Amino acid sequence: MRLFVFGYGYSARALARRLSAEGWAVAASVRDAADAGVLEAQGVAAIPLTEAARLAEVLATAQAVLVTAPPDAEGCPGLRALVPAMARAGAFPDWIGYLSTTGVYGDRRGGWVTEQSRLAAQSTEGARRVGAERDWLEVGRGMGLTVTVFRLPGIYGPGRSALERLRAGQARRIVSAGQVFSRIHVEDLAAGLAASIARPRAGGIYNLCDDEPCPNAEVIAYAAGLLAMPPPPEVPLAEAGLSPQAMRFYAESKRVSNARAKAELGWRPAYPTYREGLSAILTAERAD
């Protein structure tokens, strides 16, 4: 079994580790040959996007394709590169997963959203994701591809959590009345993708997130307790002096339902809240 990744980053590495342990071979795109060494050192075959024939050859033998790269002003770069290559190869994977964002829902003032909720992206990035989702699903229908979309909240895990931010003195407890966010541990994300690969569904859309949306300040306080550190002082949002990009993040508040992924994929988060997730990260660090 073979996985091909367009955009080999934090989330893709977690899926690659999981599938590699089951005997899968993994290949991933690189922009040029100079980037290949980093992936090859991780046991991942690096495929330069400039080598069209090789890209088509690899896609012809891939059972699963994961696209993680964000869209640009012209749409999804993964779609632009991969669809022509698959057509050239004349063979198509059993599963194509596109990683989107829960930002497509916009602000719901703390209310719940499901995959059937109206899309109301409030940022340029969110609007581009809406367009990329639409383009992938339309191409899937037109070409008979099994395309599945995953809407993701904030992703955390080893090396990328509130624990690291606290140690670096970068964590802030910014508070805004009624503000809540959803999140997901990267290993739960990988497990959800693997479950979908095992149960491919053309046109499927899934929210992958944990079971407990909550304020970010609550997560920071819990992480500080794990590290036996005093939590940073609370800072009102209006006084936080955030960048425009960060302010757009705090302009949205919603609770994301993962009920469909549980019902259709048989998936359950191993870390149903940030408490289990952060505690597991710290336990693993201490064991190492």
Protein backbone atom coordinates (compact mmCIF):
# COMPACT_ATOMS: atom_id res chain seq x y z
CA MET A 1 0.00 0.00 0.00
CA ARG A 2 1.27 3.47 -0.90
CA LEU A 3 0.49 6.96 0.40
CA PHE A 4 1.36 10.11 -1.52
CA VAL A 5 1.35 13.46 0.29
CA PHE A 6 1.17 16.92 -1.24
CA GLY A 7 2.47 19.18 1.52
CA TYR A 8 4.44 17.02 3.95
CA GLY A 9 4.13 18.85 7.27
CA TYR A 10 3.19 18.20 10.88
CA SER A 11 -0.16 16.50 10.22
CA ALA A 12 1.09 14.44 7.28
CA ARG A 13 4.04 13.14 9.30
CA ALA A 14 1.66 11.79 11.93
CA LEU A 15 -0.35 9.89 9.30
CA ALA A 16 2.83 8.65 7.64
CA ARG A 17 4.12 7.26 10.95
CA ARG A 18 0.84 5.46 11.55
CA LEU A 19 0.62 3.93 8.07
CA SER A 20 4.33 3.11 7.87
CA ALA A 21 3.93 1.01 11.00
CA GLU A 22 1.31 -0.97 9.07
CA GLY A 23 3.67 -1.55 6.15
CA TRP A 24 2.73 1.34 3.88
CA ALA A 25 5.30 3.08 1.69
CA VAL A 26 5.15 6.89 1.76
CA ALA A 27 6.09 9.42 -0.92
CA ALA A 28 5.66 13.19 -0.82
CA SER A 29 6.03 16.17 -3.08
CA VAL A 30 8.95 18.58 -2.92
CA ARG A 31 9.22 21.85 -4.79
CA ASP A 32 12.69 21.06 -6.05
CA ALA A 33 15.32 18.37 -5.74
CA ALA A 34 17.25 20.37 -3.14
CA ASP A 35 14.48 19.64 -0.61
CA ALA A 36 14.56 15.90 -1.17
CA GLY A 37 17.23 15.03 1.39
CA VAL A 38 15.11 16.04 4.37
CA LEU A 39 12.30 13.68 3.40
CA GLU A 40 14.56 10.85 2.31
CA ALA A 41 16.18 10.93 5.76
CA GLN A 42 12.73 10.22 7.23
CA GLY A 43 12.17 7.24 4.94
CA VAL A 44 9.88 9.20 2.61
CA ALA A 45 10.41 9.10 -1.15
CA ALA A 46 10.70 12.69 -2.37
CA ILE A 47 9.04 13.51 -5.68
CA PRO A 48 9.94 16.90 -7.23
CA LEU A 49 6.89 18.56 -8.73
CA THR A 50 9.04 19.57 -11.68
CA GLU A 51 9.36 15.90 -12.72
CA ALA A 52 5.95 15.38 -14.31
CA ALA A 53 6.57 11.86 -15.56
CA ARG A 54 7.81 10.64 -12.17
CA LEU A 55 4.89 12.31 -10.38
CA ALA A 56 2.41 10.56 -12.68
CA GLU A 57 4.20 7.24 -12.15
CA VAL A 58 4.02 7.53 -8.35
CA LEU A 59 0.36 8.58 -8.39
CA ALA A 60 -0.48 5.62 -10.61
CA THR A 61 0.54 3.25 -7.81
CA ALA A 62 -0.81 5.21 -4.81
CA GLN A 63 -3.84 3.88 -2.98
CA ALA A 64 -4.21 7.07 -0.92
CA VAL A 65 -3.38 10.74 -1.57
CA LEU A 66 -3.37 13.40 1.15
CA VAL A 67 -3.40 17.11 0.28
CA THR A 68 -2.48 19.45 3.13
CA ALA A 69 -1.08 22.55 1.39
CA PRO A 70 -3.19 25.70 1.89
CA PRO A 71 -4.88 27.33 -1.09
CA ASP A 72 -3.53 30.48 -2.66
CA ALA A 73 -5.29 33.21 -4.60
CA GLU A 74 -5.67 30.85 -7.57
CA GLY A 75 -7.08 27.92 -5.59
CA CYS A 76 -5.55 24.68 -4.34
CA PRO A 77 -1.99 24.09 -5.61
CA GLY A 78 -2.43 20.39 -4.93
CA LEU A 79 -5.39 20.18 -7.26
CA ARG A 80 -3.52 22.07 -9.99
CA ALA A 81 -0.55 19.72 -9.77
CA LEU A 82 -2.14 16.36 -9.04
CA VAL A 83 -5.26 16.16 -11.18
CA PRO A 84 -3.39 16.54 -14.48
CA ALA A 85 -0.78 14.06 -13.26
CA MET A 86 -3.46 11.51 -12.34
CA ALA A 87 -5.14 12.00 -15.71
CA ARG A 88 -1.77 11.46 -17.41
CA ALA A 89 -1.20 8.30 -15.40
CA GLY A 90 -4.65 6.98 -16.29
CA ALA A 91 -4.99 5.52 -12.79
CA PHE A 92 -6.64 6.95 -9.70
CA PRO A 93 -6.18 6.37 -5.95
CA ASP A 94 -8.83 4.73 -3.83
CA TRP A 95 -8.90 7.75 -1.50
CA ILE A 96 -8.03 11.43 -1.74
CA GLY A 97 -8.12 13.41 1.52
CA TYR A 98 -8.16 17.19 1.53
CA LEU A 99 -7.37 18.98 4.81
CA SER A 100 -9.54 22.07 5.26
CA THR A 101 -10.39 24.15 8.32
CA THR A 102 -13.32 24.78 10.64
CA GLY A 103 -12.74 28.42 9.70
CA VAL A 104 -15.14 27.79 6.81
CA TYR A 105 -17.99 28.07 9.34
CA GLY A 106 -17.03 31.57 10.48
CA ASP A 107 -18.25 32.96 13.80
CA ARG A 108 -21.22 31.23 15.48
CA ARG A 109 -21.07 33.12 18.79
CA GLY A 110 -20.25 29.94 20.66
CA GLY A 111 -22.92 27.85 18.95
CA TRP A 112 -22.49 24.34 17.60
CA VAL A 113 -21.68 23.56 13.97
CA THR A 114 -21.94 20.30 12.03
CA GLU A 115 -20.86 19.39 8.52
CA GLN A 116 -24.32 20.44 7.32
CA SER A 117 -24.04 23.95 8.79
CA ARG A 118 -24.02 26.92 6.42
CA LEU A 119 -20.53 28.01 5.41
CA ALA A 120 -19.83 31.61 6.40
CA ALA A 121 -16.07 32.14 6.28
CA GLN A 122 -15.07 35.58 7.58
CA SER A 123 -11.41 35.67 6.54
CA THR A 124 -9.62 35.51 3.22
CA GLU A 125 -7.99 32.26 4.30
CA GLY A 126 -11.35 30.74 5.23
CA ALA A 127 -12.95 31.83 1.97
CA ARG A 128 -10.12 30.25 0.02
CA ARG A 129 -10.66 27.00 1.88
CA VAL A 130 -14.35 27.09 0.95
CA GLY A 131 -13.33 27.44 -2.68
CA ALA A 132 -10.74 24.68 -2.47
CA GLU A 133 -13.25 22.29 -0.88
CA ARG A 134 -15.76 23.06 -3.64
CA ASP A 135 -13.17 22.57 -6.38
CA TRP A 136 -11.96 19.23 -5.02
CA LEU A 137 -15.49 17.89 -4.57
CA GLU A 138 -16.50 19.01 -8.06
CA VAL A 139 -13.43 17.41 -9.62
CA GLY A 140 -14.14 14.27 -7.63
CA ARG A 141 -17.68 14.05 -8.97
CA GLY A 142 -16.57 14.84 -12.51
CA MET A 143 -13.73 12.31 -12.62
CA GLY A 144 -15.20 9.65 -10.36
CA LEU A 145 -12.60 10.24 -7.63
CA THR A 146 -13.19 9.34 -3.99
CA VAL A 147 -12.51 12.77 -2.48
CA THR A 148 -13.05 13.34 1.24
CA VAL A 149 -12.79 16.71 3.01
CA PHE A 150 -11.67 17.09 6.61
CA ARG A 151 -12.41 20.30 8.51
CA LEU A 152 -9.86 20.80 11.26
CA PRO A 153 -9.61 23.17 14.24
CA GLY A 154 -6.33 24.03 16.01
CA ILE A 155 -3.92 21.09 15.88
CA TYR A 156 -1.56 20.37 18.78
CA GLY A 157 0.76 17.58 19.80
CA PRO A 158 4.37 16.83 20.76
CA GLY A 159 6.54 19.83 19.99
CA ARG A 160 3.55 22.02 19.25
CA SER A 161 1.43 22.64 22.33
CA ALA A 162 0.78 25.01 25.20
CA LEU A 163 3.60 23.28 27.09
CA GLU A 164 6.22 24.52 24.64
CA ARG A 165 4.77 28.03 24.58
CA LEU A 166 4.84 28.22 28.37
CA ARG A 167 8.46 27.06 28.56
CA ALA A 168 9.43 29.63 25.93
CA GLY A 169 7.60 32.40 27.79
CA GLN A 170 5.28 32.93 24.82
CA ALA A 171 1.98 31.70 26.23
CA ARG A 172 -0.73 34.28 26.87
CA ARG A 173 -4.09 33.88 28.59
CA ILE A 174 -6.21 36.12 26.39
CA VAL A 175 -9.81 36.25 27.54
CA SER A 176 -12.95 37.28 25.72
CA ALA A 177 -16.39 36.70 27.21
CA GLY A 178 -18.02 33.60 25.78
CA GLN A 179 -15.05 32.74 23.53
CA VAL A 180 -14.56 29.01 22.86
CA PHE A 181 -12.50 27.01 20.38
CA SER A 182 -12.20 23.39 19.34
CA ARG A 183 -8.88 21.57 18.92
CA ILE A 184 -7.47 18.14 18.07
CA HIS A 185 -4.38 16.16 19.02
CA VAL A 186 -2.33 15.37 15.92
CA GLU A 187 -2.46 11.62 16.63
CA ASP A 188 -6.26 11.74 16.76
CA LEU A 189 -6.20 13.55 13.43
CA ALA A 190 -4.02 10.82 11.94
CA ALA A 191 -6.32 8.15 13.37
CA GLY A 192 -9.33 9.85 11.77
CA LEU A 193 -7.63 9.97 8.38
CA ALA A 194 -6.62 6.31 8.66
CA ALA A 195 -10.21 5.39 9.55
CA SER A 196 -11.44 7.21 6.45
CA ILE A 197 -8.88 5.45 4.25
CA ALA A 198 -10.26 2.16 5.55
CA ARG A 199 -13.83 3.33 4.83
CA PRO A 200 -13.58 5.60 1.77
CA ARG A 201 -16.64 7.66 0.94
CA ALA A 202 -16.81 9.82 -2.16
CA GLY A 203 -17.89 13.35 -1.28
CA GLY A 204 -17.55 12.77 2.45
CA ILE A 205 -17.01 15.76 4.74
CA TYR A 206 -15.91 15.31 8.35
CA ASN A 207 -15.12 17.53 11.29
CA LEU A 208 -12.19 16.02 13.20
CA CYS A 209 -11.92 17.57 16.66
CA ASP A 210 -12.00 16.61 20.31
CA ASP A 211 -15.07 16.46 22.53
CA GLU A 212 -14.67 19.63 24.60
CA PRO A 213 -14.55 23.09 23.02
CA CYS A 214 -13.30 25.61 25.58
CA PRO A 215 -11.50 28.95 26.00
CA ASN A 216 -7.81 28.95 25.12
CA ALA A 217 -7.01 30.57 28.48
CA GLU A 218 -8.33 27.43 30.19
CA VAL A 219 -5.90 25.26 28.23
CA ILE A 220 -2.96 27.49 29.11
CA ALA A 221 -3.86 27.40 32.80
CA TYR A 222 -4.06 23.61 32.80
CA ALA A 223 -0.73 23.28 31.00
CA ALA A 224 0.89 25.62 33.53
CA GLY A 225 -0.39 23.39 36.32
CA LEU A 226 1.17 20.33 34.70
CA LEU A 227 4.51 22.15 34.59
CA ALA A 228 4.12 23.45 38.15
CA MET A 229 4.38 26.97 36.76
CA PRO A 230 2.22 29.96 37.68
CA PRO A 231 -0.21 30.60 34.84
CA PRO A 232 0.29 33.81 32.86
CA PRO A 233 -2.02 36.64 33.92
CA GLU A 234 -5.30 37.01 32.08
CA VAL A 235 -5.28 39.71 29.42
CA PRO A 236 -8.55 41.12 28.04
CA LEU A 237 -8.76 40.74 24.28
CA ALA A 238 -9.14 44.50 23.77
CA GLU A 239 -5.82 45.07 25.58
CA ALA A 240 -3.84 42.21 24.03
CA GLY A 241 -2.38 44.19 21.13
CA LEU A 242 -2.75 41.27 18.74
CA SER A 243 -1.79 41.29 15.08
CA PRO A 244 -4.62 41.52 12.52
CA GLN A 245 -4.20 37.80 11.77
CA ALA A 246 -4.48 36.87 15.46
CA MET A 247 -7.46 39.17 15.87
CA ARG A 248 -9.25 37.37 13.04
CA PHE A 249 -8.72 34.13 14.96
CA TYR A 250 -10.26 35.59 18.12
CA ALA A 251 -13.13 37.10 16.12
CA GLU A 252 -14.61 33.61 15.79
CA SER A 253 -16.22 31.47 18.47
CA LYS A 254 -17.88 28.11 17.84
CA ARG A 255 -18.28 24.58 19.10
CA VAL A 256 -17.54 21.95 16.46
CA SER A 257 -19.37 18.62 16.48
CA ASN A 258 -17.47 15.43 15.66
CA ALA A 259 -20.59 13.22 15.74
CA ARG A 260 -20.51 12.33 12.04
CA ALA A 261 -16.91 11.09 12.14
CA LYS A 262 -17.73 8.94 15.13
CA ALA A 263 -20.86 7.50 13.53
CA GLU A 264 -19.55 6.89 10.00
CA LEU A 265 -15.87 6.13 10.57
CA GLY A 266 -16.04 4.37 13.92
CA TRP A 267 -13.46 6.91 15.11
CA ARG A 268 -13.07 8.06 18.70
CA PRO A 269 -10.43 10.54 19.87
CA ALA A 270 -7.86 8.91 22.13
CA TYR A 271 -7.51 12.37 23.70
CA PRO A 272 -11.12 13.53 24.08
CA THR A 273 -10.07 16.77 25.78
CA TYR A 274 -6.96 18.90 26.06
CA ARG A 275 -6.37 17.45 29.53
CA GLU A 276 -5.66 13.93 28.28
CA GLY A 277 -3.71 15.28 25.33
CA LEU A 278 -1.39 17.57 27.26
CA SER A 279 -0.87 15.03 30.03
CA ALA A 280 0.13 12.38 27.47
CA ILE A 281 2.62 14.75 25.83
CA LEU A 282 4.27 15.52 29.16
CA THR A 283 4.34 11.85 30.20
CA ALA A 284 6.06 10.91 26.94
CA GLU A 285 8.61 13.70 27.36
CA ARG A 286 9.51 12.53 30.84
CA ALA A 287 9.78 8.93 29.69
CA ASP A 288 12.27 9.98 27.04
